[in-house]
Amino acid sequence: MFVLSILKVPNPNLPPAPLTLYPLTQRHQDTLAIHPSHFGAPVHQALTAELNKKYANRVLHDVGLCICVFDLAEVGEGRVRYGDGCLWYKGAFVPFAFTDDNA
């Protein structure tokens, strides 16, 4: 005989928990490399493309499902590291994400 009281079985009569929009006031910081082939593009456009490559369609811990980058909040000055041709930027961005209220 199985004991069902220790198992968490979802109730099929209840609707699934709704997903809500992650607050668009929360910022996340990251350091990104811009490859030399993207030097001709504007900085904000190149950074947004790199952030979307890294975060879009991914589940972020304590955030939820990141759909895309909503806004670049801050962008520092680009620096070149020794032995690397990329420009490295420190910046903050706002993700457009959905989160589960019950988590």
C-alpha atoms as a PDB file:
ATOM      1  CA  MET A   1       0.000   0.000   0.000  1.00  0.00           C
ATOM      2  CA  PHE A   2       1.318   3.441  -0.931  1.00  0.00           C
ATOM      3  CA  VAL A   3       1.155   6.416   1.365  1.00  0.00           C
ATOM      4  CA  LEU A   4       0.064   9.422  -0.684  1.00  0.00           C
ATOM      5  CA  SER A   5       0.293  11.901   2.147  1.00  0.00           C
ATOM      6  CA  ILE A   6       4.073  12.328   1.711  1.00  0.00           C
ATOM      7  CA  LEU A   7       3.868  12.879  -2.030  1.00  0.00           C
ATOM      8  CA  LYS A   8       3.030  16.280  -3.458  1.00  0.00           C
ATOM      9  CA  VAL A   9       0.465  15.519  -6.119  1.00  0.00           C
ATOM     10  CA  PRO A  10      -0.950  18.568  -7.924  1.00  0.00           C
ATOM     11  CA  ASN A  11      -4.701  18.875  -7.748  1.00  0.00           C
ATOM     12  CA  PRO A  12      -6.083  18.534 -11.301  1.00  0.00           C
ATOM     13  CA  ASN A  13      -9.153  20.577 -10.340  1.00  0.00           C
ATOM     14  CA  LEU A  14      -7.084  23.700  -9.592  1.00  0.00           C
ATOM     15  CA  PRO A  15      -5.761  25.937 -12.366  1.00  0.00           C
ATOM     16  CA  PRO A  16      -1.962  26.162 -12.705  1.00  0.00           C
ATOM     17  CA  ALA A  17      -0.194  28.924 -10.808  1.00  0.00           C
ATOM     18  CA  PRO A  18      -0.040  32.110 -12.905  1.00  0.00           C
ATOM     19  CA  LEU A  19       3.248  33.520 -14.067  1.00  0.00           C
ATOM     20  CA  THR A  20       3.796  37.184 -13.347  1.00  0.00           C
ATOM     21  CA  LEU A  21       6.087  39.736 -14.903  1.00  0.00           C
ATOM     22  CA  TYR A  22       9.381  40.197 -13.076  1.00  0.00           C
ATOM     23  CA  PRO A  23       9.672  43.772 -11.741  1.00  0.00           C
ATOM     24  CA  LEU A  24      11.263  45.940 -14.392  1.00  0.00           C
ATOM     25  CA  THR A  25      13.042  47.953 -11.705  1.00  0.00           C
ATOM     26  CA  GLN A  26      15.456  45.141 -10.799  1.00  0.00           C
ATOM     27  CA  ARG A  27      18.916  45.481 -12.329  1.00  0.00           C
ATOM     28  CA  HIS A  28      21.510  42.807 -12.944  1.00  0.00           C
ATOM     29  CA  GLN A  29      25.204  43.475 -13.489  1.00  0.00           C
ATOM     30  CA  ASP A  30      27.483  41.642 -15.856  1.00  0.00           C
ATOM     31  CA  THR A  31      30.769  42.007 -17.711  1.00  0.00           C
ATOM     32  CA  LEU A  32      30.565  41.406 -21.450  1.00  0.00           C
ATOM     33  CA  ALA A  33      33.082  41.070 -24.253  1.00  0.00           C
ATOM     34  CA  ILE A  34      32.463  42.718 -27.615  1.00  0.00           C
ATOM     35  CA  HIS A  35      34.308  40.982 -30.444  1.00  0.00           C
ATOM     36  CA  PRO A  36      36.257  43.213 -32.874  1.00  0.00           C
ATOM     37  CA  SER A  37      33.893  42.272 -35.704  1.00  0.00           C
ATOM     38  CA  HIS A  38      31.155  44.228 -33.859  1.00  0.00           C
ATOM     39  CA  PHE A  39      33.175  47.429 -33.403  1.00  0.00           C
ATOM     40  CA  GLY A  40      31.313  49.138 -36.255  1.00  0.00           C
ATOM     41  CA  ALA A  41      27.951  48.845 -34.493  1.00  0.00           C
ATOM     42  CA  PRO A  42      26.798  51.289 -31.800  1.00  0.00           C
ATOM     43  CA  VAL A  43      27.865  50.203 -28.298  1.00  0.00           C
ATOM     44  CA  HIS A  44      24.316  49.821 -26.938  1.00  0.00           C
ATOM     45  CA  GLN A  45      23.265  47.709 -29.903  1.00  0.00           C
ATOM     46  CA  ALA A  46      26.317  45.422 -29.640  1.00  0.00           C
ATOM     47  CA  LEU A  47      25.881  45.034 -25.864  1.00  0.00           C
ATOM     48  CA  THR A  48      22.175  44.279 -26.172  1.00  0.00           C
ATOM     49  CA  ALA A  49      22.919  41.613 -28.794  1.00  0.00           C
ATOM     50  CA  GLU A  50      25.551  39.996 -26.533  1.00  0.00           C
ATOM     51  CA  LEU A  51      23.244  40.106 -23.498  1.00  0.00           C
ATOM     52  CA  ASN A  52      20.427  38.520 -25.500  1.00  0.00           C
ATOM     53  CA  LYS A  53      22.802  35.759 -26.638  1.00  0.00           C
ATOM     54  CA  LYS A  54      23.714  35.067 -23.040  1.00  0.00           C
ATOM     55  CA  TYR A  55      20.379  35.447 -21.226  1.00  0.00           C
ATOM     56  CA  ALA A  56      17.447  35.189 -23.664  1.00  0.00           C
ATOM     57  CA  ASN A  57      15.302  32.052 -23.323  1.00  0.00           C
ATOM     58  CA  ARG A  58      17.141  30.978 -20.186  1.00  0.00           C
ATOM     59  CA  VAL A  59      15.926  30.428 -16.639  1.00  0.00           C
ATOM     60  CA  LEU A  60      17.839  32.646 -14.213  1.00  0.00           C
ATOM     61  CA  HIS A  61      18.080  31.728 -10.552  1.00  0.00           C
ATOM     62  CA  ASP A  62      15.889  34.005  -8.371  1.00  0.00           C
ATOM     63  CA  VAL A  63      14.511  35.735 -11.481  1.00  0.00           C
ATOM     64  CA  GLY A  64      12.627  33.288 -13.674  1.00  0.00           C
ATOM     65  CA  LEU A  65      12.381  32.829 -17.422  1.00  0.00           C
ATOM     66  CA  CYS A  66      14.291  35.648 -19.115  1.00  0.00           C
ATOM     67  CA  ILE A  67      12.692  36.511 -22.450  1.00  0.00           C
ATOM     68  CA  CYS A  68      15.046  39.274 -23.551  1.00  0.00           C
ATOM     69  CA  VAL A  69      16.922  42.337 -22.335  1.00  0.00           C
ATOM     70  CA  PHE A  70      14.462  45.149 -21.679  1.00  0.00           C
ATOM     71  CA  ASP A  71      16.907  48.021 -21.124  1.00  0.00           C
ATOM     72  CA  LEU A  72      20.557  48.827 -20.556  1.00  0.00           C
ATOM     73  CA  ALA A  73      20.644  50.737 -17.288  1.00  0.00           C
ATOM     74  CA  GLU A  74      24.358  51.560 -17.054  1.00  0.00           C
ATOM     75  CA  VAL A  75      27.318  50.983 -19.332  1.00  0.00           C
ATOM     76  CA  GLY A  76      30.881  51.564 -18.245  1.00  0.00           C
ATOM     77  CA  GLU A  77      33.862  52.380 -20.383  1.00  0.00           C
ATOM     78  CA  GLY A  78      35.201  49.605 -22.619  1.00  0.00           C
ATOM     79  CA  ARG A  79      38.612  48.171 -21.734  1.00  0.00           C
ATOM     80  CA  VAL A  80      40.991  45.944 -23.647  1.00  0.00           C
ATOM     81  CA  ARG A  81      42.604  43.088 -21.761  1.00  0.00           C
ATOM     82  CA  TYR A  82      46.171  42.060 -22.453  1.00  0.00           C
ATOM     83  CA  GLY A  83      46.297  39.350 -25.118  1.00  0.00           C
ATOM     84  CA  ASP A  84      42.644  39.787 -26.024  1.00  0.00           C
ATOM     85  CA  GLY A  85      41.264  41.898 -28.857  1.00  0.00           C
ATOM     86  CA  CYS A  86      37.787  42.209 -27.367  1.00  0.00           C
ATOM     87  CA  LEU A  87      36.426  45.266 -25.609  1.00  0.00           C
ATOM     88  CA  TRP A  88      35.152  44.378 -22.131  1.00  0.00           C
ATOM     89  CA  TYR A  89      32.270  46.407 -20.712  1.00  0.00           C
ATOM     90  CA  LYS A  90      30.834  46.402 -17.209  1.00  0.00           C
ATOM     91  CA  GLY A  91      27.199  47.303 -17.142  1.00  0.00           C
ATOM     92  CA  ALA A  92      23.779  46.841 -15.630  1.00  0.00           C
ATOM     93  CA  PHE A  93      20.687  45.725 -17.484  1.00  0.00           C
ATOM     94  CA  VAL A  94      17.004  45.132 -16.823  1.00  0.00           C
ATOM     95  CA  PRO A  95      15.700  41.714 -17.931  1.00  0.00           C
ATOM     96  CA  PHE A  96      12.215  41.171 -19.322  1.00  0.00           C
ATOM     97  CA  ALA A  97      11.329  37.993 -17.426  1.00  0.00           C
ATOM     98  CA  PHE A  98       8.433  35.997 -16.047  1.00  0.00           C
ATOM     99  CA  THR A  99       8.558  34.586 -12.541  1.00  0.00           C
ATOM    100  CA  ASP A 100       6.455  32.126 -10.569  1.00  0.00           C
ATOM    101  CA  ASP A 101       4.886  33.608  -7.451  1.00  0.00           C
ATOM    102  CA  ASN A 102       4.798  30.263  -5.674  1.00  0.00           C
ATOM    103  CA  ALA A 103       8.517  29.532  -5.981  1.00  0.00           C
END
